[in-house]
Amino acid sequence: MSIKMLVMDVDGTLTDGTIYIGNHGELMKGFNVKDGLGIKKAQNAGMNVVMITGRQSEIVKERAKELAITEIHQTFEDKSILLQKIIDRYGLDKEEVAYIGDDENDLSSMGHCGLVGCPADAVETVRRESDYVCQASGGKGAVREFIEHIMALQ
């Protein structure tokens, strides 16, 4: 198996799904540094890393910038249509793409990928459809764990 692209959901996968809202409407999310290092390892191994999220967030944009992720797409409810366009643009086969997500809005995208993972606390329907269920929860190192699983397979 040769994975050339890793596609990630954000809320509930790269974060624990909690959105903090301050008194003045400011939003905050927490990202795990272990996931960040895992993403760097994937990039160093030649994988393209893609973030697709249904929400709009400057925080996510900033985190992507920190990790040198240039393929970031926000406010997409139907991620599967966008994902297929990305896969086609890169000229990849299904078997060359891995996806990690945690909720029902990720299910349609999973069918476009040869390897599917999810955090331990993903919803049951996503866990059933995943090839690999992480021991770590979303925002707690699940992305890093999935990346290490991918690298062990290659």
N, C-alpha and C. Protein backbone atom coordinates (compact mmCIF):
# COMPACT_ATOMS: atom_id res chain seq x y z
N MET A 1 0.85 -1.19 0.00
CA MET A 1 0.00 0.00 0.00
C MET A 1 0.89 1.23 0.00
N SER A 2 0.57 2.16 -0.89
CA SER A 2 1.33 3.40 -0.98
C SER A 2 0.39 4.59 -0.87
N ILE A 3 0.31 5.15 0.32
CA ILE A 3 -0.56 6.30 0.56
C ILE A 3 0.21 7.57 0.17
N LYS A 4 -0.39 8.34 -0.72
CA LYS A 4 0.23 9.58 -1.19
C LYS A 4 -0.48 10.82 -0.68
N MET A 5 -1.71 10.62 -0.16
CA MET A 5 -2.47 11.76 0.35
C MET A 5 -3.20 11.37 1.62
N LEU A 6 -3.10 12.23 2.63
CA LEU A 6 -3.85 12.08 3.87
C LEU A 6 -4.85 13.21 3.96
N VAL A 7 -6.13 12.86 4.07
CA VAL A 7 -7.19 13.84 4.19
C VAL A 7 -7.74 13.77 5.60
N MET A 8 -7.89 14.93 6.23
CA MET A 8 -8.33 14.98 7.63
C MET A 8 -9.53 15.89 7.80
N ASP A 9 -10.46 15.44 8.60
CA ASP A 9 -11.50 16.29 9.15
C ASP A 9 -10.82 17.11 10.25
N VAL A 10 -11.47 18.14 10.73
CA VAL A 10 -10.86 18.97 11.78
C VAL A 10 -11.56 18.76 13.13
N ASP A 11 -12.78 19.28 13.27
CA ASP A 11 -13.45 19.22 14.57
C ASP A 11 -13.82 17.78 14.93
N GLY A 12 -13.29 17.34 16.06
CA GLY A 12 -13.53 15.97 16.52
C GLY A 12 -12.45 15.01 16.06
N THR A 13 -11.56 15.48 15.19
CA THR A 13 -10.47 14.64 14.69
C THR A 13 -9.13 15.27 15.05
N LEU A 14 -8.86 16.46 14.51
CA LEU A 14 -7.66 17.22 14.90
C LEU A 14 -7.88 17.95 16.22
N THR A 15 -9.14 18.16 16.58
CA THR A 15 -9.48 18.74 17.88
C THR A 15 -10.38 17.76 18.61
N ASP A 16 -10.65 18.03 19.87
CA ASP A 16 -11.55 17.14 20.61
C ASP A 16 -13.02 17.46 20.35
N GLY A 17 -13.26 18.40 19.46
CA GLY A 17 -14.62 18.77 19.09
C GLY A 17 -15.21 19.89 19.93
N THR A 18 -14.49 20.30 20.96
CA THR A 18 -14.97 21.38 21.81
C THR A 18 -14.65 22.72 21.15
N ILE A 19 -15.62 23.60 21.15
CA ILE A 19 -15.41 24.96 20.65
C ILE A 19 -15.66 25.90 21.82
N TYR A 20 -14.63 26.61 22.22
CA TYR A 20 -14.74 27.55 23.32
C TYR A 20 -15.14 28.92 22.77
N ILE A 21 -16.14 29.52 23.38
CA ILE A 21 -16.59 30.84 22.97
C ILE A 21 -16.45 31.78 24.16
N GLY A 22 -15.65 32.83 23.99
CA GLY A 22 -15.41 33.79 25.06
C GLY A 22 -16.55 34.79 25.19
N ASN A 23 -16.47 35.62 26.21
CA ASN A 23 -17.50 36.63 26.48
C ASN A 23 -17.73 37.58 25.32
N HIS A 24 -16.70 37.81 24.51
CA HIS A 24 -16.81 38.76 23.42
C HIS A 24 -16.95 38.05 22.06
N GLY A 25 -17.33 36.77 22.09
CA GLY A 25 -17.57 36.02 20.86
C GLY A 25 -16.34 35.40 20.24
N GLU A 26 -15.18 35.54 20.90
CA GLU A 26 -13.98 34.96 20.33
C GLU A 26 -14.04 33.43 20.46
N LEU A 27 -13.58 32.74 19.42
CA LEU A 27 -13.59 31.27 19.40
C LEU A 27 -12.20 30.74 19.63
N MET A 28 -12.13 29.61 20.32
CA MET A 28 -10.85 28.94 20.54
C MET A 28 -11.04 27.44 20.38
N LYS A 29 -9.99 26.78 19.88
CA LYS A 29 -9.96 25.33 19.73
C LYS A 29 -8.58 24.88 20.18
N GLY A 30 -8.48 23.67 20.63
CA GLY A 30 -7.19 23.12 21.04
C GLY A 30 -6.70 22.09 20.04
N PHE A 31 -5.43 22.17 19.69
CA PHE A 31 -4.79 21.21 18.80
C PHE A 31 -3.67 20.51 19.55
N ASN A 32 -3.47 19.23 19.28
CA ASN A 32 -2.46 18.44 19.96
C ASN A 32 -1.13 18.52 19.21
N VAL A 33 -0.05 18.83 19.92
CA VAL A 33 1.26 18.94 19.28
C VAL A 33 1.72 17.60 18.72
N LYS A 34 1.29 16.49 19.31
CA LYS A 34 1.65 15.17 18.78
C LYS A 34 1.09 14.99 17.37
N ASP A 35 -0.14 15.44 17.17
CA ASP A 35 -0.72 15.37 15.83
C ASP A 35 0.09 16.22 14.86
N GLY A 36 0.52 17.40 15.30
CA GLY A 36 1.32 18.27 14.46
C GLY A 36 2.62 17.62 14.03
N LEU A 37 3.29 16.96 14.96
CA LEU A 37 4.54 16.27 14.62
C LEU A 37 4.26 15.11 13.68
N GLY A 38 3.16 14.42 13.89
CA GLY A 38 2.78 13.33 12.99
C GLY A 38 2.54 13.84 11.58
N ILE A 39 1.88 14.98 11.47
CA ILE A 39 1.63 15.58 10.15
C ILE A 39 2.95 15.92 9.48
N LYS A 40 3.89 16.46 10.22
CA LYS A 40 5.21 16.77 9.66
C LYS A 40 5.89 15.49 9.18
N LYS A 41 5.75 14.41 9.94
CA LYS A 41 6.33 13.13 9.53
C LYS A 41 5.71 12.65 8.22
N ALA A 42 4.40 12.80 8.10
CA ALA A 42 3.71 12.40 6.87
C ALA A 42 4.20 13.23 5.69
N GLN A 43 4.32 14.53 5.89
CA GLN A 43 4.81 15.42 4.82
C GLN A 43 6.23 15.05 4.43
N ASN A 44 7.08 14.78 5.42
CA ASN A 44 8.47 14.41 5.14
C ASN A 44 8.57 13.09 4.39
N ALA A 45 7.55 12.24 4.55
CA ALA A 45 7.50 10.96 3.84
C ALA A 45 6.90 11.12 2.45
N GLY A 46 6.55 12.36 2.08
CA GLY A 46 6.05 12.62 0.74
C GLY A 46 4.54 12.64 0.59
N MET A 47 3.82 12.55 1.70
CA MET A 47 2.36 12.59 1.62
C MET A 47 1.86 14.02 1.51
N ASN A 48 0.89 14.24 0.64
CA ASN A 48 0.16 15.50 0.62
C ASN A 48 -0.86 15.44 1.75
N VAL A 49 -0.96 16.50 2.51
CA VAL A 49 -1.90 16.55 3.63
C VAL A 49 -2.98 17.57 3.32
N VAL A 50 -4.23 17.15 3.49
CA VAL A 50 -5.39 17.96 3.15
C VAL A 50 -6.30 18.07 4.37
N MET A 51 -6.81 19.27 4.63
CA MET A 51 -7.80 19.48 5.68
C MET A 51 -9.11 19.88 5.01
N ILE A 52 -10.20 19.19 5.38
CA ILE A 52 -11.53 19.57 4.89
C ILE A 52 -12.45 19.65 6.11
N THR A 53 -13.11 20.79 6.27
CA THR A 53 -13.99 20.97 7.41
C THR A 53 -15.28 21.67 7.00
N GLY A 54 -16.32 21.35 7.69
CA GLY A 54 -17.61 21.97 7.41
C GLY A 54 -17.75 23.36 7.99
N ARG A 55 -16.89 23.72 8.94
CA ARG A 55 -16.97 25.02 9.60
C ARG A 55 -15.93 25.98 9.03
N GLN A 56 -16.17 27.26 9.22
CA GLN A 56 -15.21 28.32 8.85
C GLN A 56 -14.52 28.77 10.12
N SER A 57 -13.19 28.82 10.10
CA SER A 57 -12.47 29.20 11.30
C SER A 57 -11.09 29.75 10.95
N GLU A 58 -10.80 30.94 11.45
CA GLU A 58 -9.46 31.51 11.30
C GLU A 58 -8.44 30.68 12.08
N ILE A 59 -8.90 30.06 13.16
CA ILE A 59 -8.02 29.22 13.98
C ILE A 59 -7.49 28.06 13.16
N VAL A 60 -8.37 27.42 12.39
CA VAL A 60 -7.98 26.28 11.56
C VAL A 60 -7.02 26.75 10.47
N LYS A 61 -7.31 27.89 9.89
CA LYS A 61 -6.43 28.47 8.87
C LYS A 61 -5.03 28.72 9.45
N GLU A 62 -4.98 29.22 10.66
CA GLU A 62 -3.70 29.50 11.32
C GLU A 62 -2.94 28.21 11.63
N ARG A 63 -3.65 27.19 12.08
CA ARG A 63 -3.01 25.90 12.38
C ARG A 63 -2.47 25.28 11.09
N ALA A 64 -3.23 25.36 10.02
CA ALA A 64 -2.76 24.83 8.74
C ALA A 64 -1.49 25.55 8.29
N LYS A 65 -1.47 26.86 8.48
CA LYS A 65 -0.29 27.65 8.11
C LYS A 65 0.93 27.20 8.93
N GLU A 66 0.74 26.98 10.23
CA GLU A 66 1.84 26.52 11.09
C GLU A 66 2.42 25.20 10.60
N LEU A 67 1.54 24.35 10.07
CA LEU A 67 1.95 23.01 9.64
C LEU A 67 2.28 22.94 8.15
N ALA A 68 2.29 24.08 7.47
CA ALA A 68 2.58 24.16 6.04
C ALA A 68 1.61 23.30 5.22
N ILE A 69 0.34 23.29 5.65
CA ILE A 69 -0.71 22.61 4.89
C ILE A 69 -1.34 23.67 3.99
N THR A 70 -1.18 23.50 2.71
CA THR A 70 -1.71 24.49 1.77
C THR A 70 -3.07 24.07 1.21
N GLU A 71 -3.38 22.80 1.32
CA GLU A 71 -4.65 22.27 0.80
C GLU A 71 -5.64 22.23 1.96
N ILE A 72 -6.27 23.39 2.22
CA ILE A 72 -7.23 23.51 3.32
C ILE A 72 -8.54 24.04 2.74
N HIS A 73 -9.62 23.35 3.07
CA HIS A 73 -10.94 23.70 2.54
C HIS A 73 -11.93 23.77 3.70
N GLN A 74 -12.58 24.93 3.83
CA GLN A 74 -13.54 25.15 4.91
C GLN A 74 -14.94 25.40 4.36
N THR A 75 -15.91 25.21 5.19
CA THR A 75 -17.35 25.41 4.92
C THR A 75 -17.88 24.48 3.83
N PHE A 76 -17.46 23.24 3.84
CA PHE A 76 -17.97 22.25 2.90
C PHE A 76 -18.81 21.23 3.64
N GLU A 77 -20.11 21.28 3.42
CA GLU A 77 -20.99 20.31 4.05
C GLU A 77 -20.88 18.96 3.36
N ASP A 78 -20.85 18.95 2.02
CA ASP A 78 -20.68 17.70 1.29
C ASP A 78 -19.21 17.58 0.90
N LYS A 79 -18.45 17.02 1.80
CA LYS A 79 -17.01 16.91 1.60
C LYS A 79 -16.66 15.96 0.47
N SER A 80 -17.53 15.00 0.17
CA SER A 80 -17.18 13.96 -0.79
C SER A 80 -17.01 14.51 -2.21
N ILE A 81 -17.83 15.46 -2.62
CA ILE A 81 -17.70 16.04 -3.95
C ILE A 81 -16.36 16.77 -4.08
N LEU A 82 -16.04 17.57 -3.08
CA LEU A 82 -14.76 18.28 -3.07
C LEU A 82 -13.60 17.28 -3.06
N LEU A 83 -13.69 16.27 -2.21
CA LEU A 83 -12.61 15.30 -2.10
C LEU A 83 -12.35 14.62 -3.44
N GLN A 84 -13.39 14.23 -4.14
CA GLN A 84 -13.18 13.58 -5.44
C GLN A 84 -12.50 14.52 -6.41
N LYS A 85 -12.83 15.80 -6.37
CA LYS A 85 -12.16 16.78 -7.24
C LYS A 85 -10.68 16.89 -6.90
N ILE A 86 -10.36 16.87 -5.62
CA ILE A 86 -8.96 16.96 -5.18
C ILE A 86 -8.20 15.72 -5.64
N ILE A 87 -8.79 14.55 -5.43
CA ILE A 87 -8.15 13.29 -5.84
C ILE A 87 -7.89 13.30 -7.35
N ASP A 88 -8.87 13.74 -8.12
CA ASP A 88 -8.71 13.81 -9.57
C ASP A 88 -7.63 14.81 -9.96
N ARG A 89 -7.60 15.95 -9.30
CA ARG A 89 -6.60 16.99 -9.62
C ARG A 89 -5.18 16.47 -9.40
N TYR A 90 -5.00 15.65 -8.35
CA TYR A 90 -3.67 15.10 -8.07
C TYR A 90 -3.39 13.83 -8.89
N GLY A 91 -4.41 13.33 -9.61
CA GLY A 91 -4.24 12.13 -10.42
C GLY A 91 -4.01 10.87 -9.60
N LEU A 92 -4.68 10.78 -8.46
CA LEU A 92 -4.50 9.65 -7.56
C LEU A 92 -5.59 8.60 -7.74
N ASP A 93 -5.24 7.37 -7.40
CA ASP A 93 -6.22 6.29 -7.31
C ASP A 93 -6.74 6.24 -5.88
N LYS A 94 -7.90 5.69 -5.71
CA LYS A 94 -8.53 5.55 -4.40
C LYS A 94 -7.57 4.93 -3.37
N GLU A 95 -6.82 3.93 -3.81
CA GLU A 95 -5.92 3.20 -2.90
C GLU A 95 -4.75 4.05 -2.41
N GLU A 96 -4.54 5.21 -3.02
CA GLU A 96 -3.43 6.08 -2.64
C GLU A 96 -3.85 7.17 -1.65
N VAL A 97 -5.12 7.12 -1.22
CA VAL A 97 -5.66 8.17 -0.37
C VAL A 97 -6.15 7.58 0.95
N ALA A 98 -5.76 8.22 2.05
CA ALA A 98 -6.23 7.84 3.39
C ALA A 98 -7.07 8.98 3.95
N TYR A 99 -8.04 8.63 4.76
CA TYR A 99 -8.95 9.63 5.33
C TYR A 99 -9.16 9.32 6.80
N ILE A 100 -9.17 10.37 7.63
CA ILE A 100 -9.53 10.21 9.04
C ILE A 100 -10.60 11.23 9.40
N GLY A 101 -11.69 10.73 9.96
CA GLY A 101 -12.80 11.57 10.36
C GLY A 101 -13.56 10.92 11.50
N ASP A 102 -14.51 11.65 12.07
CA ASP A 102 -15.14 11.16 13.30
C ASP A 102 -16.66 11.14 13.31
N ASP A 103 -17.31 11.75 12.31
CA ASP A 103 -18.76 11.86 12.43
C ASP A 103 -19.46 11.55 11.11
N GLU A 104 -20.78 11.53 11.15
CA GLU A 104 -21.57 11.10 10.00
C GLU A 104 -21.30 11.91 8.74
N ASN A 105 -20.93 13.17 8.88
CA ASN A 105 -20.64 13.98 7.69
C ASN A 105 -19.34 13.57 7.01
N ASP A 106 -18.61 12.64 7.58
CA ASP A 106 -17.39 12.10 6.97
C ASP A 106 -17.64 10.82 6.19
N LEU A 107 -18.78 10.19 6.41
CA LEU A 107 -19.04 8.88 5.81
C LEU A 107 -18.96 8.88 4.29
N SER A 108 -19.55 9.87 3.64
CA SER A 108 -19.54 9.87 2.17
C SER A 108 -18.13 10.03 1.62
N SER A 109 -17.26 10.75 2.32
CA SER A 109 -15.88 10.92 1.88
C SER A 109 -15.08 9.64 2.03
N MET A 110 -15.40 8.87 3.02
CA MET A 110 -14.65 7.64 3.29
C MET A 110 -14.66 6.68 2.11
N GLY A 111 -15.75 6.67 1.37
CA GLY A 111 -15.86 5.78 0.22
C GLY A 111 -14.92 6.11 -0.92
N HIS A 112 -14.33 7.30 -0.90
CA HIS A 112 -13.40 7.72 -1.94
C HIS A 112 -11.96 7.33 -1.62
N CYS A 113 -11.76 6.68 -0.47
CA CYS A 113 -10.40 6.45 0.02
C CYS A 113 -10.12 4.96 0.23
N GLY A 114 -8.88 4.60 0.00
CA GLY A 114 -8.47 3.21 0.14
C GLY A 114 -8.21 2.79 1.57
N LEU A 115 -7.92 3.75 2.44
CA LEU A 115 -7.67 3.46 3.85
C LEU A 115 -8.39 4.51 4.68
N VAL A 116 -9.19 4.05 5.63
CA VAL A 116 -10.01 4.95 6.44
C VAL A 116 -9.74 4.70 7.92
N GLY A 117 -9.54 5.79 8.65
CA GLY A 117 -9.35 5.70 10.09
C GLY A 117 -10.26 6.66 10.81
N CYS A 118 -10.35 6.46 12.12
CA CYS A 118 -11.16 7.35 12.94
C CYS A 118 -10.62 7.36 14.37
N PRO A 119 -10.89 8.44 15.10
CA PRO A 119 -10.52 8.48 16.51
C PRO A 119 -11.35 7.48 17.32
N ALA A 120 -10.87 7.14 18.49
CA ALA A 120 -11.57 6.18 19.36
C ALA A 120 -12.98 6.65 19.70
N ASP A 121 -13.18 7.97 19.80
CA ASP A 121 -14.48 8.49 20.21
C ASP A 121 -15.35 8.90 19.02
N ALA A 122 -15.04 8.37 17.84
CA ALA A 122 -15.90 8.63 16.67
C ALA A 122 -17.26 7.98 16.89
N VAL A 123 -18.26 8.46 16.16
CA VAL A 123 -19.59 7.86 16.28
C VAL A 123 -19.53 6.43 15.76
N GLU A 124 -20.45 5.62 16.24
CA GLU A 124 -20.44 4.19 15.93
C GLU A 124 -20.47 3.90 14.43
N THR A 125 -21.28 4.63 13.67
CA THR A 125 -21.35 4.37 12.23
C THR A 125 -20.00 4.58 11.55
N VAL A 126 -19.24 5.55 12.00
CA VAL A 126 -17.91 5.81 11.43
C VAL A 126 -16.94 4.73 11.88
N ARG A 127 -17.01 4.32 13.13
CA ARG A 127 -16.13 3.24 13.61
C ARG A 127 -16.35 1.97 12.80
N ARG A 128 -17.60 1.66 12.49
CA ARG A 128 -17.90 0.45 11.71
C ARG A 128 -17.34 0.52 10.30
N GLU A 129 -17.28 1.71 9.72
CA GLU A 129 -16.81 1.86 8.34
C GLU A 129 -15.29 2.04 8.24
N SER A 130 -14.62 2.16 9.37
CA SER A 130 -13.18 2.43 9.37
C SER A 130 -12.36 1.16 9.30
N ASP A 131 -11.23 1.26 8.60
CA ASP A 131 -10.27 0.16 8.55
C ASP A 131 -9.43 0.13 9.83
N TYR A 132 -9.26 1.31 10.43
CA TYR A 132 -8.44 1.43 11.63
C TYR A 132 -9.12 2.38 12.61
N VAL A 133 -9.41 1.88 13.79
CA VAL A 133 -9.97 2.70 14.86
C VAL A 133 -8.84 2.98 15.84
N CYS A 134 -8.49 4.24 15.97
CA CYS A 134 -7.39 4.64 16.85
C CYS A 134 -7.73 4.36 18.31
N GLN A 135 -6.72 4.18 19.11
CA GLN A 135 -6.89 4.08 20.56
C GLN A 135 -7.07 5.47 21.15
N ALA A 136 -6.47 6.47 20.49
CA ALA A 136 -6.56 7.86 20.95
C ALA A 136 -7.85 8.50 20.46
N SER A 137 -8.35 9.42 21.23
CA SER A 137 -9.55 10.18 20.86
C SER A 137 -9.17 11.37 19.99
N GLY A 138 -10.18 11.99 19.39
CA GLY A 138 -9.97 13.18 18.58
C GLY A 138 -9.32 14.29 19.40
N GLY A 139 -8.31 14.93 18.82
CA GLY A 139 -7.60 16.01 19.50
C GLY A 139 -6.63 15.52 20.57
N LYS A 140 -6.51 14.22 20.68
CA LYS A 140 -5.64 13.63 21.72
C LYS A 140 -4.58 12.72 21.12
N GLY A 141 -4.22 12.98 19.86
CA GLY A 141 -3.17 12.19 19.21
C GLY A 141 -3.67 11.16 18.22
N ALA A 142 -4.95 11.16 17.90
CA ALA A 142 -5.50 10.17 16.96
C ALA A 142 -4.89 10.32 15.57
N VAL A 143 -4.71 11.55 15.12
CA VAL A 143 -4.14 11.76 13.78
C VAL A 143 -2.72 11.21 13.73
N ARG A 144 -1.93 11.49 14.74
CA ARG A 144 -0.55 10.96 14.80
C ARG A 144 -0.57 9.44 14.79
N GLU A 145 -1.46 8.85 15.57
CA GLU A 145 -1.56 7.39 15.62
C GLU A 145 -1.91 6.82 14.24
N PHE A 146 -2.86 7.45 13.56
CA PHE A 146 -3.26 6.97 12.24
C PHE A 146 -2.10 7.11 11.25
N ILE A 147 -1.38 8.20 11.31
CA ILE A 147 -0.22 8.40 10.43
C ILE A 147 0.82 7.32 10.68
N GLU A 148 1.09 7.02 11.94
CA GLU A 148 2.06 5.96 12.24
C GLU A 148 1.58 4.60 11.74
N HIS A 149 0.27 4.37 11.81
CA HIS A 149 -0.31 3.14 11.26
C HIS A 149 -0.08 3.09 9.74
N ILE A 150 -0.33 4.19 9.05
CA ILE A 150 -0.12 4.26 7.61
C ILE A 150 1.34 3.96 7.29
N MET A 151 2.24 4.58 8.01
CA MET A 151 3.68 4.42 7.74
C MET A 151 4.14 2.98 7.99
N ALA A 152 3.52 2.31 8.96
CA ALA A 152 3.86 0.93 9.24
C ALA A 152 3.41 0.00 8.10
N LEU A 153 2.38 0.41 7.38
CA LEU A 153 1.87 -0.40 6.28
C LEU A 153 2.68 -0.24 4.99
N GLN A 154 3.44 0.85 4.89
CA GLN A 154 4.12 1.18 3.62
C GLN A 154 5.51 0.56 3.55
